[in-house]
Every structure is written in structure tokens, then in C-alpha cells.
Protein backbone atom coordinates (compact mmCIF):
# COMPACT_ATOMS: atom_id res chain seq x y z
CA UNK A 1 -65.82 -13.58 37.68
CA UNK A 2 -65.65 -10.44 35.45
CA UNK A 3 -64.21 -10.87 32.09
CA UNK A 4 -61.09 -9.01 30.82
CA UNK A 5 -61.65 -6.21 28.71
CA UNK A 6 -60.79 -6.45 25.10
CA UNK A 7 -57.35 -4.84 24.69
CA UNK A 8 -56.75 -4.29 27.88
CA UNK A 9 -53.14 -4.24 28.91
CA UNK A 10 -51.73 -2.96 25.56
CA UNK A 11 -50.34 0.01 26.23
CA UNK A 12 -48.34 -1.27 29.41
CA UNK A 13 -46.11 -3.34 28.06
CA UNK A 14 -45.44 -1.69 25.16
CA UNK A 15 -44.06 1.20 27.23
CA UNK A 16 -42.16 -1.20 29.30
CA UNK A 17 -40.47 -3.06 26.44
CA UNK A 18 -39.53 0.97 25.28
CA UNK A 19 -38.10 2.11 28.86
CA UNK A 20 -36.02 -0.89 28.83
CA UNK A 21 -34.32 -0.02 25.38
CA UNK A 22 -33.56 3.27 26.30
CA UNK A 23 -32.17 2.90 29.55
CA UNK A 24 -30.36 -0.29 27.94
CA UNK A 25 -29.45 2.32 25.70
CA UNK A 26 -28.54 4.69 28.12
CA UNK A 27 -26.24 2.24 29.92
CA UNK A 28 -24.30 0.96 26.34
CA UNK A 29 -23.34 4.89 25.67
CA UNK A 30 -21.76 5.33 29.00
CA UNK A 31 -19.75 2.30 29.06
CA UNK A 32 -18.34 2.86 25.47
CA UNK A 33 -17.05 6.45 26.29
CA UNK A 34 -16.01 6.87 29.96
CA UNK A 35 -14.94 3.57 30.91
CA UNK A 36 -12.76 3.68 34.19
CA UNK A 37 -9.47 2.22 33.47
CA UNK A 38 -8.17 -0.40 36.33
CA UNK A 39 -4.67 -1.49 37.24
CA UNK A 40 -1.01 0.45 37.72
CA UNK A 41 -0.33 1.33 34.00
CA UNK A 42 -0.24 -1.16 32.13
CA UNK A 43 3.04 -3.18 33.60
CA UNK A 44 6.51 -2.74 33.15
CA UNK A 45 7.87 0.72 31.75
CA UNK A 46 9.64 -0.10 28.12
CA UNK A 47 13.66 0.19 27.90
CA UNK A 48 14.57 1.72 24.69
CA UNK A 49 15.86 -0.59 21.98
CA UNK A 50 19.60 -0.27 20.76
CA UNK A 51 20.19 0.90 17.15
CA UNK A 52 20.65 -1.93 14.96
CA UNK A 53 24.42 -1.35 12.75
CA UNK A 54 22.47 -3.00 9.45
CA UNK A 55 20.81 -1.14 7.33
CA UNK A 56 17.26 -1.91 6.60
CA UNK A 57 16.57 -2.87 2.67
CA UNK A 58 15.94 -0.82 0.56
CA UNK A 59 12.43 -1.45 -0.34
CA UNK A 60 9.88 0.47 -3.48
CA UNK A 61 6.16 0.15 -4.13
CA UNK A 62 4.25 0.08 -7.30
CA UNK A 63 0.14 0.43 -7.02
CA UNK A 64 -2.14 0.24 -10.24
CA UNK A 65 -5.70 0.91 -9.42
CA UNK A 66 -8.95 -0.05 -10.67
CA UNK A 67 -7.46 -2.78 -13.56
CA UNK A 68 -10.40 -4.30 -15.37
CA UNK A 69 -9.87 -7.98 -14.34
CA UNK A 70 -11.29 -9.60 -11.86
CA UNK A 71 -9.16 -10.12 -8.53
CA UNK A 72 -9.84 -13.83 -8.48
CA UNK A 73 -8.40 -14.24 -11.95
CA UNK A 74 -5.56 -11.62 -10.99
CA UNK A 75 -4.59 -13.83 -7.85
CA UNK A 76 -4.26 -16.73 -9.93
CA UNK A 77 -0.80 -15.28 -11.11
CA UNK A 78 0.32 -13.14 -8.35
CA UNK A 79 0.51 -15.61 -6.41
CA UNK A 80 2.81 -17.53 -8.21
CA UNK A 81 5.42 -14.55 -8.28
CA UNK A 82 5.08 -13.36 -4.71
CA UNK A 83 8.55 -14.56 -3.05
CA UNK A 84 10.40 -14.70 -6.77
CA UNK A 85 13.40 -12.71 -7.28
CA UNK A 86 12.23 -9.87 -9.93
CA UNK A 87 14.18 -11.56 -13.19
CA UNK A 88 12.17 -14.67 -12.30
CA UNK A 89 9.16 -13.20 -11.83
CA UNK A 90 9.49 -11.20 -14.99
CA UNK A 91 9.77 -14.56 -16.79
CA UNK A 92 7.51 -16.34 -15.57
CA UNK A 93 4.91 -13.02 -16.57
CA UNK A 94 6.35 -12.73 -20.16
CA UNK A 95 6.01 -16.31 -20.96
CA UNK A 96 2.37 -16.58 -19.16
CA UNK A 97 -0.95 -17.07 -20.89
CA UNK A 98 -2.80 -15.40 -18.51
CA UNK A 99 -4.47 -11.21 -19.11
CA UNK A 100 -3.49 -10.69 -15.66
CA UNK A 101 -0.03 -11.54 -16.34
CA UNK A 102 0.36 -8.12 -18.64
CA UNK A 103 -0.92 -5.78 -15.68
CA UNK A 104 0.99 -7.47 -12.92
CA UNK A 105 4.21 -7.24 -15.44
CA UNK A 106 3.64 -3.61 -16.01
CA UNK A 107 3.10 -3.15 -11.99
CA UNK A 108 6.36 -5.10 -11.22
CA UNK A 109 9.01 -3.25 -13.95
CA UNK A 110 7.41 0.49 -12.69
CA UNK A 111 8.38 -1.06 -8.75
CA UNK A 112 12.17 -2.28 -9.89
CA UNK A 113 12.00 1.46 -11.78
CA UNK A 114 10.94 3.34 -8.55
CA UNK A 115 13.56 1.33 -6.95
CA UNK A 116 16.14 2.45 -9.16
CA UNK A 117 14.94 5.98 -8.56
CA UNK A 118 15.05 5.77 -5.13
CA UNK A 119 18.73 4.30 -5.50
CA UNK A 120 19.75 7.43 -7.74
CA UNK A 121 18.34 10.10 -5.74
CA UNK A 122 19.88 8.69 -2.37
CA UNK A 123 23.37 8.04 -4.02
CA UNK A 124 23.25 4.60 -3.11
CA UNK A 125 24.27 1.45 -5.74
CA UNK A 126 21.77 -1.11 -6.02
CA UNK A 127 22.12 -4.19 -8.38
CA UNK A 128 18.64 -4.98 -9.58
CA UNK A 129 19.67 -8.76 -9.74
CA UNK A 130 19.13 -8.31 -6.03
CA UNK A 131 15.40 -7.20 -5.97
CA UNK A 132 13.13 -9.44 -4.44
CA UNK A 133 9.21 -9.54 -4.57
CA UNK A 134 8.77 -9.04 -1.28
CA UNK A 135 4.72 -8.31 -0.78
CA UNK A 136 2.17 -8.79 -3.91
CA UNK A 137 -1.55 -8.34 -3.44
CA UNK A 138 -4.24 -8.09 -4.98
CA UNK A 139 -7.31 -6.33 -3.87
CA UNK A 140 -10.80 -5.58 -4.84
CA UNK A 141 -11.21 -2.00 -6.37
CA UNK A 142 -14.61 -0.86 -7.40
CA UNK A 143 -17.74 -2.58 -9.11
CA UNK A 144 -18.55 -1.47 -12.37
CA UNK A 145 -22.65 -2.01 -12.48
CA UNK A 146 -24.00 -2.70 -15.70
CA UNK A 147 -27.47 -4.25 -16.73
CA UNK A 148 -28.51 -7.03 -19.36
CA UNK A 149 -32.31 -7.26 -20.27
CA UNK A 150 -33.68 -10.45 -18.98
CA UNK A 151 -37.01 -12.35 -19.60
CA UNK A 152 -40.57 -10.35 -19.16
CA UNK A 153 -38.99 -7.38 -19.20
CA UNK A 154 -36.74 -7.67 -16.34
CA UNK A 155 -33.29 -6.56 -16.13
CA UNK A 156 -30.43 -8.51 -14.56
CA UNK A 157 -27.36 -6.94 -12.92
CA UNK A 158 -23.80 -7.08 -14.48
CA UNK A 159 -20.93 -6.86 -11.83
CA UNK A 160 -17.51 -5.65 -13.99
CA UNK A 161 -15.19 -6.29 -11.00
CA UNK A 162 -11.81 -4.34 -10.84
CA UNK A 163 -8.18 -4.25 -8.77
CA UNK A 164 -6.15 -2.28 -7.18
CA UNK A 165 -2.64 -4.12 -7.51
CA UNK A 166 0.36 -3.56 -4.77
CA UNK A 167 3.59 -4.76 -5.46
CA UNK A 168 6.47 -3.76 -3.22
CA UNK A 169 10.32 -4.99 -4.11
CA UNK A 170 13.12 -5.28 -1.71
CA UNK A 171 17.10 -5.89 -2.06
CA UNK A 172 17.94 -9.38 -0.60
CA UNK A 173 20.30 -9.42 3.02
CA UNK A 174 23.46 -11.02 2.38
CA UNK A 175 23.73 -11.10 -1.63
CA UNK A 176 27.67 -10.17 -2.12
CA UNK A 177 27.80 -6.94 -4.28
């Protein structure tokens, strides 16, 4: 029996794997961009919907970006006002102890002012008492990266989180004016 040489067959296995990877990548690229469509065209033709006689409720929004408070703390407050009337939401925010309540109150007041401004520009009547918080979310903003000294000459990162607050107010339907 002949003894196998040391290292025999090393080059061929690597070449086979590389060739297989290239072939798979080629197949994936052609499938992504040039896939043929099958079928008769995606179902029945759409019929145009008749226009409704009711007008859509007037909406106004306000956004505050990079608020210097973490989104987690802001969401605790904004979850309480979502869906409430504007007056009830402003009452809640005015008497809340949380720092986030002040920031959210500013945004809510701005959204109400935007609604009044839009109504004035369109020469429409708007009763502020009919407004409610239709959409209120807090998204994460950019993190401010800082460092604090740690033991043995190291530094520990600190992430100072910021928030984007978005509030949409709309007039309730079916409310007597």
C-alpha cells in the first residue's frame, strides 16, 4: 500500500467550495431581478369606488424631534393620552409629575394650533372641543454617545437616548356643532 502524501487533496476541496459558492451567488442574482410572472394578470379587474358624500375628518399633526428623554419614559405618558379628547389629554398632562408630560403637552398644543391654522386657511369652522388625539407615538431618536471613567483606566460608554414625538389630532365625526 502506498502511503498518502501529506497535504494531498487540500487544493481541490477549497476550489470546489469556492466554485459552488459562485454558482449559488449567480443563481440568486438572476432569480432576484428577472423572475418571470405566471398567471393571468393578478385576479379580477378593479372597479372604481364611488365617492362618499361624507367629508374626511380634518387632521393636523405636530412633531418634536430629538427630545432629550428616553423613548421608554415618554411612552409611559403618551400611552395615557392616546384616543382621549384634547381637553382631557391637556388636563392629564398639566397635572402629571413626569418630565415627559411637559414635552408632550408642547407637541399637543402645537397640533391643536396647526388644526386651527389649517381651518382658518381653508375658511372652515373648527370647534377645538371636538378634537381628539387620533395618533400619538414616540420613536427613538439619535443616541448621544458619552463615556465615563471606569476602573483600571478603562472607559464605560453611556447612551443618552432621545425621542421623536408625533401627535395627530382630528375632529370627531357625528358631534353636534
